[in-house]
């Protein structure tokens, strides 16, 4: 059974940093075509944040470029999202997702990130 479990969220002041983790079980990371992070703020739709392809290529939404870094540790079957210079607009529930054959199929339960001004 595939399971994605996010952790690392919390409350941080503007300008601070957090590192989110997504631990995968039931299937190795290398079998997914893409691992992604998404976020959803209250009253807003879920939006793409960052993704890392199986060959290591990374993608970011413009609003986080230069501040967030996605990485993966295949040995630990874990994907990370390092978030620096956080601002209140980054406040949201962050979700990890795994893609199979180009479509995001598996989702974690989410971890809350709150950035105070």
Protein backbone atom coordinates (compact mmCIF):
# COMPACT_ATOMS: atom_id res chain seq x y z
CA UNK A 1 0.00 0.00 0.00
CA UNK A 2 1.43 3.32 -1.07
CA UNK A 3 1.63 5.97 1.61
CA UNK A 4 3.07 9.47 1.65
CA UNK A 5 3.56 11.15 5.02
CA UNK A 6 4.53 14.80 5.27
CA UNK A 7 6.20 16.38 8.28
CA UNK A 8 8.12 19.49 9.22
CA UNK A 9 5.40 22.10 9.08
CA UNK A 10 4.88 24.65 11.81
CA UNK A 11 4.74 28.29 12.77
CA UNK A 12 7.61 30.53 11.72
CA UNK A 13 8.21 34.26 11.52
CA UNK A 14 8.57 35.99 8.20
CA UNK A 15 12.09 35.59 6.90
CA UNK A 16 12.51 32.24 8.61
CA UNK A 17 13.01 28.75 7.21
CA UNK A 18 11.39 25.34 7.40
CA UNK A 19 12.22 22.00 5.84
CA UNK A 20 9.35 19.75 4.89
CA UNK A 21 9.81 16.02 4.50
CA UNK A 22 7.72 13.50 2.60
CA UNK A 23 8.39 9.90 3.54
CA UNK A 24 7.18 7.38 0.98
CA UNK A 25 6.35 3.77 1.70
CA UNK A 26 4.97 0.89 -0.30
CA UNK A 27 6.92 1.83 -3.40
CA UNK A 28 10.40 3.21 -4.02
CA UNK A 29 10.85 6.81 -5.14
CA UNK A 30 12.71 5.81 -8.27
CA UNK A 31 9.55 4.20 -9.66
CA UNK A 32 7.68 7.51 -9.71
CA UNK A 33 8.09 9.74 -12.74
CA UNK A 34 7.80 12.85 -10.57
CA UNK A 35 7.53 13.84 -6.92
CA UNK A 36 5.84 17.14 -6.23
CA UNK A 37 4.88 19.59 -3.55
CA UNK A 38 1.61 21.48 -3.70
CA UNK A 39 -0.03 23.90 -1.31
CA UNK A 40 -3.50 25.14 -0.54
CA UNK A 41 -4.30 28.29 1.37
CA UNK A 42 -7.72 28.87 2.95
CA UNK A 43 -10.26 29.86 0.32
CA UNK A 44 -7.86 29.18 -2.54
CA UNK A 45 -7.30 26.35 -4.95
CA UNK A 46 -4.44 23.93 -4.55
CA UNK A 47 -1.40 25.15 -6.44
CA UNK A 48 1.81 23.60 -7.65
CA UNK A 49 4.93 24.58 -5.72
CA UNK A 50 7.83 22.40 -6.83
CA UNK A 51 8.62 19.04 -8.38
CA UNK A 52 11.57 16.79 -8.97
CA UNK A 53 11.71 14.34 -11.83
CA UNK A 54 13.14 10.85 -11.56
CA UNK A 55 16.31 12.05 -13.33
CA UNK A 56 16.73 14.94 -10.87
CA UNK A 57 15.35 17.78 -12.98
CA UNK A 58 13.52 20.29 -10.80
CA UNK A 59 10.64 22.67 -11.40
CA UNK A 60 9.32 25.57 -9.34
CA UNK A 61 6.47 28.01 -9.42
CA UNK A 62 7.82 31.50 -10.02
CA UNK A 63 6.82 32.78 -6.57
CA UNK A 64 9.21 30.38 -4.79
CA UNK A 65 12.17 30.35 -7.19
CA UNK A 66 15.36 31.24 -5.36
CA UNK A 67 13.75 30.60 -1.96
CA UNK A 68 12.61 26.95 -2.04
CA UNK A 69 14.63 23.89 -2.96
CA UNK A 70 13.23 20.44 -3.63
CA UNK A 71 15.46 17.40 -3.23
CA UNK A 72 15.19 13.66 -2.84
CA UNK A 73 17.06 10.97 -0.95
CA UNK A 74 16.33 7.68 -2.65
CA UNK A 75 18.09 5.72 0.07
CA UNK A 76 15.65 7.14 2.62
CA UNK A 77 12.73 7.12 0.19
CA UNK A 78 12.12 10.73 1.17
CA UNK A 79 11.56 14.00 -0.64
CA UNK A 80 12.34 17.33 0.96
CA UNK A 81 11.28 20.92 0.46
CA UNK A 82 13.68 23.43 1.97
CA UNK A 83 11.86 26.74 2.35
CA UNK A 84 13.86 29.88 3.05
CA UNK A 85 12.90 33.55 3.36
CA UNK A 86 9.33 32.59 4.09
CA UNK A 87 6.65 35.25 3.92
CA UNK A 88 2.99 35.30 5.04
CA UNK A 89 1.86 34.50 1.48
CA UNK A 90 3.50 31.08 1.89
CA UNK A 91 1.01 30.18 4.62
CA UNK A 92 -0.86 27.07 3.49
CA UNK A 93 -1.25 23.37 3.91
CA UNK A 94 1.53 21.69 1.97
CA UNK A 95 0.95 18.37 0.26
CA UNK A 96 3.36 15.85 -1.18
CA UNK A 97 2.35 13.93 -4.27
CA UNK A 98 3.77 11.15 -6.42
CA UNK A 99 3.22 10.88 -10.14
CA UNK A 100 2.87 7.72 -12.15
CA UNK A 101 2.92 7.84 -15.94
CA UNK A 102 2.82 11.63 -15.84
CA UNK A 103 -0.19 12.04 -13.55
CA UNK A 104 -0.13 12.80 -9.85
CA UNK A 105 -1.76 9.75 -8.34
CA UNK A 106 -0.82 9.52 -4.69
CA UNK A 107 -1.19 12.27 -2.09
CA UNK A 108 -0.18 12.77 1.51
CA UNK A 109 -2.39 14.16 4.24
CA UNK A 110 -0.68 17.55 4.30
CA UNK A 111 1.32 19.56 6.79
CA UNK A 112 0.44 23.08 7.89
CA UNK A 113 2.86 25.95 7.39
CA UNK A 114 2.01 29.27 9.01
CA UNK A 115 4.20 32.32 8.52
CA UNK A 116 3.58 35.25 10.82
CA UNK A 117 4.39 38.81 9.83
